[in-house]
Amino acid sequence: MTTVYVTAPPDAAEGLARTLVEEGLAACVNRIDCRSTFRWDGSVVDETEVALFIKTVPERYGDVEDRVEELHPYEVPCIERFEAADAFGPFAEWIAESVE
């Protein structure tokens, strides 16, 4: 099981999540409202964002990354990959069965 962490502006997060699940790239996507502070173009920026936790399988990570990059409104989106070494067995099986 692979979890992909992505941050997005609120107006883009729902569409990203829905598209990834509808296209079979993710079994589910959790969306959590957050505030992000980061440096961009030489300035410190404080923005409202949504953190997306995308549940997929290792074999589809490249497709998820490509699709997020294609749909994401940021020039440089945050896309990070986490491998689940110890996931609850039935949950990991559901993820594998749900991703096409």
N, C-alpha and C. Protein backbone atom coordinates (compact mmCIF):
# COMPACT_ATOMS: atom_id res chain seq x y z
N MET A 1 0.84 -1.18 0.00
CA MET A 1 0.00 0.00 0.00
C MET A 1 0.89 1.24 0.00
N THR A 2 0.48 2.24 -0.74
CA THR A 2 1.20 3.51 -0.84
C THR A 2 0.23 4.63 -0.50
N THR A 3 0.69 5.58 0.30
CA THR A 3 -0.07 6.79 0.56
C THR A 3 0.67 7.94 -0.10
N VAL A 4 -0.06 8.73 -0.86
CA VAL A 4 0.51 9.90 -1.52
C VAL A 4 -0.07 11.13 -0.84
N TYR A 5 0.82 11.98 -0.33
CA TYR A 5 0.43 13.20 0.37
C TYR A 5 0.53 14.37 -0.62
N VAL A 6 -0.57 15.09 -0.76
CA VAL A 6 -0.63 16.23 -1.67
C VAL A 6 -1.33 17.37 -0.95
N THR A 7 -0.86 18.59 -1.12
CA THR A 7 -1.62 19.74 -0.64
C THR A 7 -2.16 20.49 -1.85
N ALA A 8 -3.35 21.07 -1.68
CA ALA A 8 -3.99 21.77 -2.79
C ALA A 8 -4.86 22.90 -2.25
N PRO A 9 -5.14 23.91 -3.07
CA PRO A 9 -6.08 24.93 -2.65
C PRO A 9 -7.47 24.31 -2.49
N PRO A 10 -8.27 24.84 -1.58
CA PRO A 10 -9.59 24.26 -1.32
C PRO A 10 -10.45 24.09 -2.57
N ASP A 11 -10.40 25.03 -3.50
CA ASP A 11 -11.26 24.94 -4.68
C ASP A 11 -10.82 23.87 -5.68
N ALA A 12 -9.63 23.29 -5.48
CA ALA A 12 -9.15 22.23 -6.38
C ALA A 12 -9.15 20.86 -5.72
N ALA A 13 -9.17 20.80 -4.40
CA ALA A 13 -8.99 19.54 -3.67
C ALA A 13 -10.08 18.52 -3.96
N GLU A 14 -11.33 18.93 -3.93
CA GLU A 14 -12.41 17.97 -4.15
C GLU A 14 -12.32 17.35 -5.54
N GLY A 15 -12.07 18.16 -6.55
CA GLY A 15 -11.96 17.65 -7.91
C GLY A 15 -10.80 16.68 -8.07
N LEU A 16 -9.66 17.00 -7.46
CA LEU A 16 -8.51 16.09 -7.50
C LEU A 16 -8.88 14.75 -6.88
N ALA A 17 -9.47 14.80 -5.68
CA ALA A 17 -9.82 13.58 -4.97
C ALA A 17 -10.81 12.74 -5.78
N ARG A 18 -11.85 13.36 -6.25
CA ARG A 18 -12.89 12.63 -6.98
C ARG A 18 -12.34 12.02 -8.27
N THR A 19 -11.53 12.76 -9.00
CA THR A 19 -10.97 12.27 -10.26
C THR A 19 -10.09 11.05 -10.02
N LEU A 20 -9.24 11.10 -9.00
CA LEU A 20 -8.33 9.98 -8.74
C LEU A 20 -9.10 8.71 -8.39
N VAL A 21 -10.19 8.85 -7.62
CA VAL A 21 -10.99 7.68 -7.27
C VAL A 21 -11.81 7.20 -8.47
N GLU A 22 -12.44 8.13 -9.17
CA GLU A 22 -13.26 7.75 -10.34
C GLU A 22 -12.43 7.06 -11.41
N GLU A 23 -11.19 7.47 -11.59
CA GLU A 23 -10.33 6.89 -12.62
C GLU A 23 -9.62 5.62 -12.16
N GLY A 24 -9.90 5.18 -10.93
CA GLY A 24 -9.32 3.94 -10.44
C GLY A 24 -7.87 4.04 -10.03
N LEU A 25 -7.35 5.26 -9.87
CA LEU A 25 -5.97 5.44 -9.45
C LEU A 25 -5.82 5.37 -7.94
N ALA A 26 -6.91 5.59 -7.21
CA ALA A 26 -6.89 5.58 -5.75
C ALA A 26 -8.13 4.87 -5.24
N ALA A 27 -7.97 4.18 -4.10
CA ALA A 27 -9.12 3.54 -3.46
C ALA A 27 -9.92 4.58 -2.70
N CYS A 28 -9.23 5.51 -2.07
CA CYS A 28 -9.90 6.61 -1.37
C CYS A 28 -8.92 7.76 -1.20
N VAL A 29 -9.47 8.93 -0.92
CA VAL A 29 -8.66 10.12 -0.66
C VAL A 29 -9.27 10.82 0.55
N ASN A 30 -8.46 10.97 1.60
CA ASN A 30 -8.89 11.74 2.77
C ASN A 30 -8.52 13.19 2.54
N ARG A 31 -9.45 14.10 2.88
CA ARG A 31 -9.20 15.54 2.72
C ARG A 31 -9.28 16.19 4.09
N ILE A 32 -8.22 16.92 4.44
CA ILE A 32 -8.14 17.58 5.75
C ILE A 32 -7.77 19.04 5.53
N ASP A 33 -8.61 19.94 6.04
CA ASP A 33 -8.31 21.38 5.95
C ASP A 33 -7.07 21.69 6.78
N CYS A 34 -6.21 22.55 6.24
CA CYS A 34 -4.99 22.93 6.97
C CYS A 34 -4.55 24.33 6.56
N ARG A 35 -3.61 24.87 7.32
CA ARG A 35 -2.94 26.12 6.98
C ARG A 35 -1.50 25.77 6.68
N SER A 36 -0.96 26.32 5.62
CA SER A 36 0.42 26.05 5.23
C SER A 36 1.20 27.35 5.18
N THR A 37 2.41 27.30 5.69
CA THR A 37 3.34 28.43 5.63
C THR A 37 4.55 27.95 4.84
N PHE A 38 4.89 28.69 3.78
CA PHE A 38 5.99 28.25 2.92
C PHE A 38 6.61 29.46 2.23
N ARG A 39 7.80 29.24 1.70
CA ARG A 39 8.49 30.30 0.96
C ARG A 39 8.22 30.11 -0.51
N TRP A 40 7.78 31.16 -1.20
CA TRP A 40 7.54 31.10 -2.64
C TRP A 40 7.93 32.43 -3.26
N ASP A 41 8.73 32.38 -4.29
CA ASP A 41 9.20 33.57 -4.99
C ASP A 41 9.81 34.59 -4.03
N GLY A 42 10.57 34.10 -3.05
CA GLY A 42 11.29 34.98 -2.13
C GLY A 42 10.47 35.53 -0.98
N SER A 43 9.21 35.17 -0.88
CA SER A 43 8.35 35.66 0.20
C SER A 43 7.83 34.49 1.01
N VAL A 44 7.53 34.77 2.29
CA VAL A 44 6.89 33.77 3.12
C VAL A 44 5.38 33.95 2.96
N VAL A 45 4.71 32.85 2.62
CA VAL A 45 3.28 32.86 2.31
C VAL A 45 2.55 32.00 3.33
N ASP A 46 1.36 32.44 3.72
CA ASP A 46 0.50 31.68 4.63
C ASP A 46 -0.82 31.47 3.91
N GLU A 47 -1.15 30.22 3.60
CA GLU A 47 -2.33 29.91 2.79
C GLU A 47 -3.21 28.87 3.45
N THR A 48 -4.49 28.93 3.17
CA THR A 48 -5.41 27.86 3.50
C THR A 48 -5.30 26.81 2.41
N GLU A 49 -5.10 25.57 2.80
CA GLU A 49 -4.99 24.48 1.85
C GLU A 49 -5.78 23.28 2.36
N VAL A 50 -5.81 22.25 1.55
CA VAL A 50 -6.39 20.97 1.94
C VAL A 50 -5.29 19.93 1.75
N ALA A 51 -5.05 19.14 2.79
CA ALA A 51 -4.10 18.03 2.69
C ALA A 51 -4.86 16.81 2.20
N LEU A 52 -4.36 16.21 1.14
CA LEU A 52 -4.96 15.00 0.58
C LEU A 52 -4.07 13.81 0.91
N PHE A 53 -4.67 12.76 1.43
CA PHE A 53 -3.98 11.50 1.68
C PHE A 53 -4.58 10.48 0.73
N ILE A 54 -3.85 10.18 -0.33
CA ILE A 54 -4.33 9.36 -1.43
C ILE A 54 -3.87 7.93 -1.21
N LYS A 55 -4.80 7.00 -1.10
CA LYS A 55 -4.48 5.58 -0.86
C LYS A 55 -4.46 4.85 -2.20
N THR A 56 -3.30 4.27 -2.53
CA THR A 56 -3.14 3.57 -3.79
C THR A 56 -2.20 2.39 -3.60
N VAL A 57 -1.73 1.81 -4.68
CA VAL A 57 -0.77 0.72 -4.64
C VAL A 57 0.53 1.19 -5.28
N PRO A 58 1.66 0.58 -4.90
CA PRO A 58 2.95 1.05 -5.43
C PRO A 58 3.01 1.10 -6.96
N GLU A 59 2.37 0.14 -7.61
CA GLU A 59 2.43 0.07 -9.07
C GLU A 59 1.74 1.25 -9.75
N ARG A 60 0.85 1.93 -9.05
CA ARG A 60 0.12 3.05 -9.66
C ARG A 60 0.64 4.41 -9.22
N TYR A 61 1.69 4.43 -8.39
CA TYR A 61 2.19 5.72 -7.90
C TYR A 61 2.54 6.67 -9.05
N GLY A 62 3.25 6.19 -10.05
CA GLY A 62 3.64 7.06 -11.16
C GLY A 62 2.44 7.66 -11.87
N ASP A 63 1.38 6.86 -12.02
CA ASP A 63 0.16 7.37 -12.65
C ASP A 63 -0.52 8.42 -11.79
N VAL A 64 -0.52 8.19 -10.47
CA VAL A 64 -1.11 9.17 -9.54
C VAL A 64 -0.32 10.48 -9.61
N GLU A 65 1.00 10.37 -9.55
CA GLU A 65 1.85 11.56 -9.61
C GLU A 65 1.60 12.33 -10.91
N ASP A 66 1.57 11.63 -12.03
CA ASP A 66 1.35 12.29 -13.32
C ASP A 66 -0.01 12.98 -13.36
N ARG A 67 -1.05 12.31 -12.86
CA ARG A 67 -2.41 12.87 -12.92
C ARG A 67 -2.54 14.07 -12.01
N VAL A 68 -1.96 14.00 -10.80
CA VAL A 68 -2.00 15.15 -9.89
C VAL A 68 -1.27 16.33 -10.52
N GLU A 69 -0.09 16.08 -11.08
CA GLU A 69 0.66 17.16 -11.72
C GLU A 69 -0.14 17.79 -12.86
N GLU A 70 -0.83 16.97 -13.62
CA GLU A 70 -1.63 17.45 -14.75
C GLU A 70 -2.80 18.32 -14.29
N LEU A 71 -3.48 17.92 -13.22
CA LEU A 71 -4.69 18.61 -12.77
C LEU A 71 -4.45 19.73 -11.76
N HIS A 72 -3.32 19.69 -11.09
CA HIS A 72 -3.06 20.61 -9.97
C HIS A 72 -2.82 22.03 -10.47
N PRO A 73 -3.40 23.03 -9.79
CA PRO A 73 -3.22 24.41 -10.25
C PRO A 73 -1.86 25.03 -9.90
N TYR A 74 -1.11 24.43 -8.98
CA TYR A 74 0.19 25.01 -8.60
C TYR A 74 1.25 24.68 -9.64
N GLU A 75 2.18 25.59 -9.79
CA GLU A 75 3.33 25.38 -10.67
C GLU A 75 4.19 24.22 -10.16
N VAL A 76 4.36 24.15 -8.84
CA VAL A 76 5.13 23.09 -8.20
C VAL A 76 4.29 22.50 -7.07
N PRO A 77 3.46 21.50 -7.37
CA PRO A 77 2.62 20.93 -6.31
C PRO A 77 3.44 20.06 -5.35
N CYS A 78 2.99 20.02 -4.11
CA CYS A 78 3.55 19.11 -3.11
C CYS A 78 3.00 17.72 -3.39
N ILE A 79 3.88 16.80 -3.77
CA ILE A 79 3.50 15.40 -4.00
C ILE A 79 4.56 14.56 -3.30
N GLU A 80 4.17 13.86 -2.23
CA GLU A 80 5.11 13.04 -1.47
C GLU A 80 4.57 11.63 -1.34
N ARG A 81 5.46 10.67 -1.42
CA ARG A 81 5.08 9.25 -1.37
C ARG A 81 5.51 8.63 -0.04
N PHE A 82 4.59 7.89 0.58
CA PHE A 82 4.87 7.16 1.81
C PHE A 82 4.49 5.71 1.60
N GLU A 83 5.41 4.81 1.89
CA GLU A 83 5.12 3.38 1.79
C GLU A 83 4.66 2.88 3.14
N ALA A 84 3.58 2.14 3.16
CA ALA A 84 3.04 1.59 4.40
C ALA A 84 3.65 0.21 4.62
N ALA A 85 4.64 0.14 5.48
CA ALA A 85 5.27 -1.14 5.78
C ALA A 85 4.36 -2.01 6.63
N ASP A 86 3.58 -1.40 7.49
CA ASP A 86 2.70 -2.12 8.40
C ASP A 86 1.31 -1.52 8.35
N ALA A 87 0.49 -1.97 7.43
CA ALA A 87 -0.90 -1.55 7.34
C ALA A 87 -1.78 -2.70 7.80
N PHE A 88 -2.92 -2.37 8.36
CA PHE A 88 -3.89 -3.38 8.77
C PHE A 88 -4.21 -4.24 7.56
N GLY A 89 -4.02 -5.55 7.65
CA GLY A 89 -4.15 -6.46 6.53
C GLY A 89 -5.41 -6.30 5.70
N PRO A 90 -6.60 -6.36 6.32
CA PRO A 90 -7.82 -6.21 5.54
C PRO A 90 -7.92 -4.85 4.83
N PHE A 91 -7.40 -3.80 5.46
CA PHE A 91 -7.42 -2.47 4.82
C PHE A 91 -6.51 -2.47 3.60
N ALA A 92 -5.31 -3.01 3.74
CA ALA A 92 -4.37 -3.06 2.61
C ALA A 92 -4.95 -3.89 1.47
N GLU A 93 -5.64 -4.98 1.79
CA GLU A 93 -6.28 -5.80 0.77
C GLU A 93 -7.37 -5.02 0.04
N TRP A 94 -8.16 -4.25 0.79
CA TRP A 94 -9.22 -3.44 0.18
C TRP A 94 -8.62 -2.41 -0.78
N ILE A 95 -7.52 -1.78 -0.37
CA ILE A 95 -6.84 -0.82 -1.25
C ILE A 95 -6.44 -1.52 -2.55
N ALA A 96 -5.79 -2.67 -2.44
CA ALA A 96 -5.33 -3.40 -3.62
C ALA A 96 -6.49 -3.80 -4.52
N GLU A 97 -7.61 -4.19 -3.94
CA GLU A 97 -8.78 -4.59 -4.72
C GLU A 97 -9.48 -3.40 -5.38
N SER A 98 -9.35 -2.22 -4.78
CA SER A 98 -10.09 -1.05 -5.25
C SER A 98 -9.37 -0.26 -6.32
N VAL A 99 -8.06 -0.40 -6.42
CA VAL A 99 -7.28 0.33 -7.41
C VAL A 99 -7.19 -0.51 -8.67
N GLU A 100 -7.50 0.10 -9.80
CA GLU A 100 -7.52 -0.63 -11.08
C GLU A 100 -6.14 -0.67 -11.71
